C-alpha atoms as a PDB file:
ATOM      1  CA  MET A   1     -13.577   9.325   8.237  1.00  0.00           C
ATOM      2  CA  HIS A   2      -9.999  10.538   7.856  1.00  0.00           C
ATOM      3  CA  GLN A   3      -8.839   7.334   6.142  1.00  0.00           C
ATOM      4  CA  GLN A   4     -11.770   7.386   3.746  1.00  0.00           C
ATOM      5  CA  LYS A   5     -10.997  10.987   2.815  1.00  0.00           C
ATOM      6  CA  LEU A   6      -7.351  10.127   2.149  1.00  0.00           C
ATOM      7  CA  ALA A   7      -8.370   7.137   0.024  1.00  0.00           C
ATOM      8  CA  VAL A   8     -10.594   9.363  -2.124  1.00  0.00           C
ATOM      9  CA  GLU A   9      -8.063  12.210  -2.335  1.00  0.00           C
ATOM     10  CA  SER A  10      -5.323   9.821  -3.471  1.00  0.00           C
ATOM     11  CA  GLY A  11      -7.472   8.327  -6.235  1.00  0.00           C
ATOM     12  CA  TYR A  12      -7.357   4.901  -4.577  1.00  0.00           C
ATOM     13  CA  TRP A  13     -11.123   4.999  -3.995  1.00  0.00           C
ATOM     14  CA  PRO A  14     -12.854   7.214  -6.569  1.00  0.00           C
ATOM     15  CA  LEU A  15     -16.433   8.270  -5.967  1.00  0.00           C
ATOM     16  CA  TYR A  16     -18.885   7.774  -8.805  1.00  0.00           C
ATOM     17  CA  ARG A  17     -22.549   7.118  -9.520  1.00  0.00           C
ATOM     18  CA  PHE A  18     -24.391   5.194 -12.196  1.00  0.00           C
ATOM     19  CA  ASN A  19     -27.969   6.186 -12.946  1.00  0.00           C
ATOM     20  CA  PRO A  20     -29.475   4.130 -15.790  1.00  0.00           C
ATOM     21  CA  LYS A  21     -32.460   6.528 -16.023  1.00  0.00           C
ATOM     22  CA  LEU A  22     -30.134   9.195 -17.428  1.00  0.00           C
ATOM     23  CA  GLU A  23     -29.452   7.004 -20.446  1.00  0.00           C
ATOM     24  CA  SER A  24     -33.111   7.189 -21.503  1.00  0.00           C
ATOM     25  CA  GLU A  25     -32.770  10.998 -21.378  1.00  0.00           C
ATOM     26  CA  GLY A  26     -29.769  10.860 -23.705  1.00  0.00           C
ATOM     27  CA  LYS A  27     -27.347  11.658 -20.893  1.00  0.00           C
ATOM     28  CA  ASN A  28     -24.312   9.768 -19.656  1.00  0.00           C
ATOM     29  CA  PRO A  29     -25.423   7.433 -16.842  1.00  0.00           C
ATOM     30  CA  PHE A  30     -21.900   7.353 -15.367  1.00  0.00           C
ATOM     31  CA  GLN A  31     -21.046  10.322 -13.157  1.00  0.00           C
ATOM     32  CA  LEU A  32     -17.584  10.716 -11.676  1.00  0.00           C
ATOM     33  CA  ASP A  33     -17.912  12.654  -8.417  1.00  0.00           C
ATOM     34  CA  SER A  34     -14.246  12.631  -7.425  1.00  0.00           C
ATOM     35  CA  HIS A  35     -11.788  15.261  -8.590  1.00  0.00           C
ATOM     36  CA  ASP A  36      -8.287  14.504  -9.824  1.00  0.00           C
ATOM     37  CA  PRO A  37      -6.117  13.019  -7.049  1.00  0.00           C
ATOM     38  CA  LYS A  38      -4.857  15.697  -4.660  1.00  0.00           C
ATOM     39  CA  ILE A  39      -2.347  13.664  -2.685  1.00  0.00           C
ATOM     40  CA  ALA A  40       0.258  11.056  -3.568  1.00  0.00           C
ATOM     41  CA  LEU A  41      -0.865   7.459  -3.201  1.00  0.00           C
ATOM     42  CA  GLN A  42       1.817   6.724  -0.597  1.00  0.00           C
ATOM     43  CA  ASP A  43       0.428   9.537   1.580  1.00  0.00           C
ATOM     44  CA  TYR A  44      -2.683   7.389   1.963  1.00  0.00           C
ATOM     45  CA  ILE A  45      -1.140   3.915   1.747  1.00  0.00           C
ATOM     46  CA  TYR A  46       1.387   4.364   4.521  1.00  0.00           C
ATOM     47  CA  THR A  47      -1.197   5.646   7.000  1.00  0.00           C
ATOM     48  CA  GLU A  48      -2.539   2.081   6.983  1.00  0.00           C
ATOM     49  CA  GLY A  49      -0.837  -0.327   9.365  1.00  0.00           C
ATOM     50  CA  ARG A  50      -0.936  -3.234   6.921  1.00  0.00           C
ATOM     51  CA  TYR A  51       1.104  -1.291   4.370  1.00  0.00           C
ATOM     52  CA  ARG A  52       3.487   0.185   6.938  1.00  0.00           C
ATOM     53  CA  MET A  53       4.260  -3.306   8.231  1.00  0.00           C
ATOM     54  CA  LEU A  54       5.125  -4.473   4.724  1.00  0.00           C
ATOM     55  CA  GLN A  55       7.345  -1.437   4.227  1.00  0.00           C
ATOM     56  CA  ARG A  56       9.188  -2.219   7.463  1.00  0.00           C
ATOM     57  CA  SER A  57       9.525  -5.951   6.893  1.00  0.00           C
ATOM     58  CA  ASN A  58      10.251  -5.943   3.158  1.00  0.00           C
ATOM     59  CA  PRO A  59      10.967  -2.467   1.737  1.00  0.00           C
ATOM     60  CA  GLU A  60      11.827  -3.758  -1.742  1.00  0.00           C
ATOM     61  CA  ALA A  61       8.529  -5.595  -2.101  1.00  0.00           C
ATOM     62  CA  ALA A  62       6.658  -2.608  -0.663  1.00  0.00           C
ATOM     63  CA  LYS A  63       8.230  -0.303  -3.248  1.00  0.00           C
ATOM     64  CA  LEU A  64       7.409  -2.683  -6.087  1.00  0.00           C
ATOM     65  CA  LEU A  65       3.817  -3.068  -4.931  1.00  0.00           C
ATOM     66  CA  LEU A  66       3.422   0.686  -4.455  1.00  0.00           C
ATOM     67  CA  ASP A  67       4.653   1.273  -8.014  1.00  0.00           C
ATOM     68  CA  GLN A  68       2.171  -1.298  -9.316  1.00  0.00           C
ATOM     69  CA  ALA A  69      -0.621   0.274  -7.272  1.00  0.00           C
ATOM     70  CA  ARG A  70       0.234   3.738  -8.638  1.00  0.00           C
ATOM     71  CA  GLN A  71       0.003   2.405 -12.179  1.00  0.00           C
ATOM     72  CA  ALA A  72      -3.299   0.657 -11.470  1.00  0.00           C
ATOM     73  CA  VAL A  73      -4.790   3.776  -9.869  1.00  0.00           C
ATOM     74  CA  ALA A  74      -3.659   5.926 -12.806  1.00  0.00           C
ATOM     75  CA  ARG A  75      -5.115   3.480 -15.367  1.00  0.00           C
ATOM     76  CA  ARG A  76      -8.400   3.199 -13.499  1.00  0.00           C
ATOM     77  CA  TRP A  77      -8.606   6.974 -13.051  1.00  0.00           C
ATOM     78  CA  GLN A  78      -8.088   7.587 -16.784  1.00  0.00           C
ATOM     79  CA  GLN A  79     -10.706   4.967 -17.627  1.00  0.00           C
ATOM     80  CA  TYR A  80     -13.257   6.552 -15.287  1.00  0.00           C
ATOM     81  CA  LYS A  81     -12.565  10.004 -16.748  1.00  0.00           C
ATOM     82  CA  LYS A  82     -13.159   8.632 -20.257  1.00  0.00           C
ATOM     83  CA  MET A  83     -16.366   6.959 -19.139  1.00  0.00           C
ATOM     84  CA  ALA A  84     -17.614  10.187 -17.550  1.00  0.00           C
ATOM     85  CA  ALA A  85     -16.775  12.233 -20.661  1.00  0.00           C
ATOM     86  CA  THR A  86     -18.810  10.143 -23.093  1.00  0.00           C
END
């Protein structure tokens, strides 16, 4: 459960629900259950062996991929927040 908690707290794995019945009540069917990320993405990523191995074997590629992942997480997080606000 520790890894799952880190994934959620880093924003890598946001928790949300979609209830289509709410739409018929005039409410937003998309509910974002996660809060803003509490920890840096690398604090989750590098607890995983697959990412640590990449960092050890090819640090430049690992840094590039981490930067891309940060951007993707930030974009997705902003999109989910917009969806939850409407």
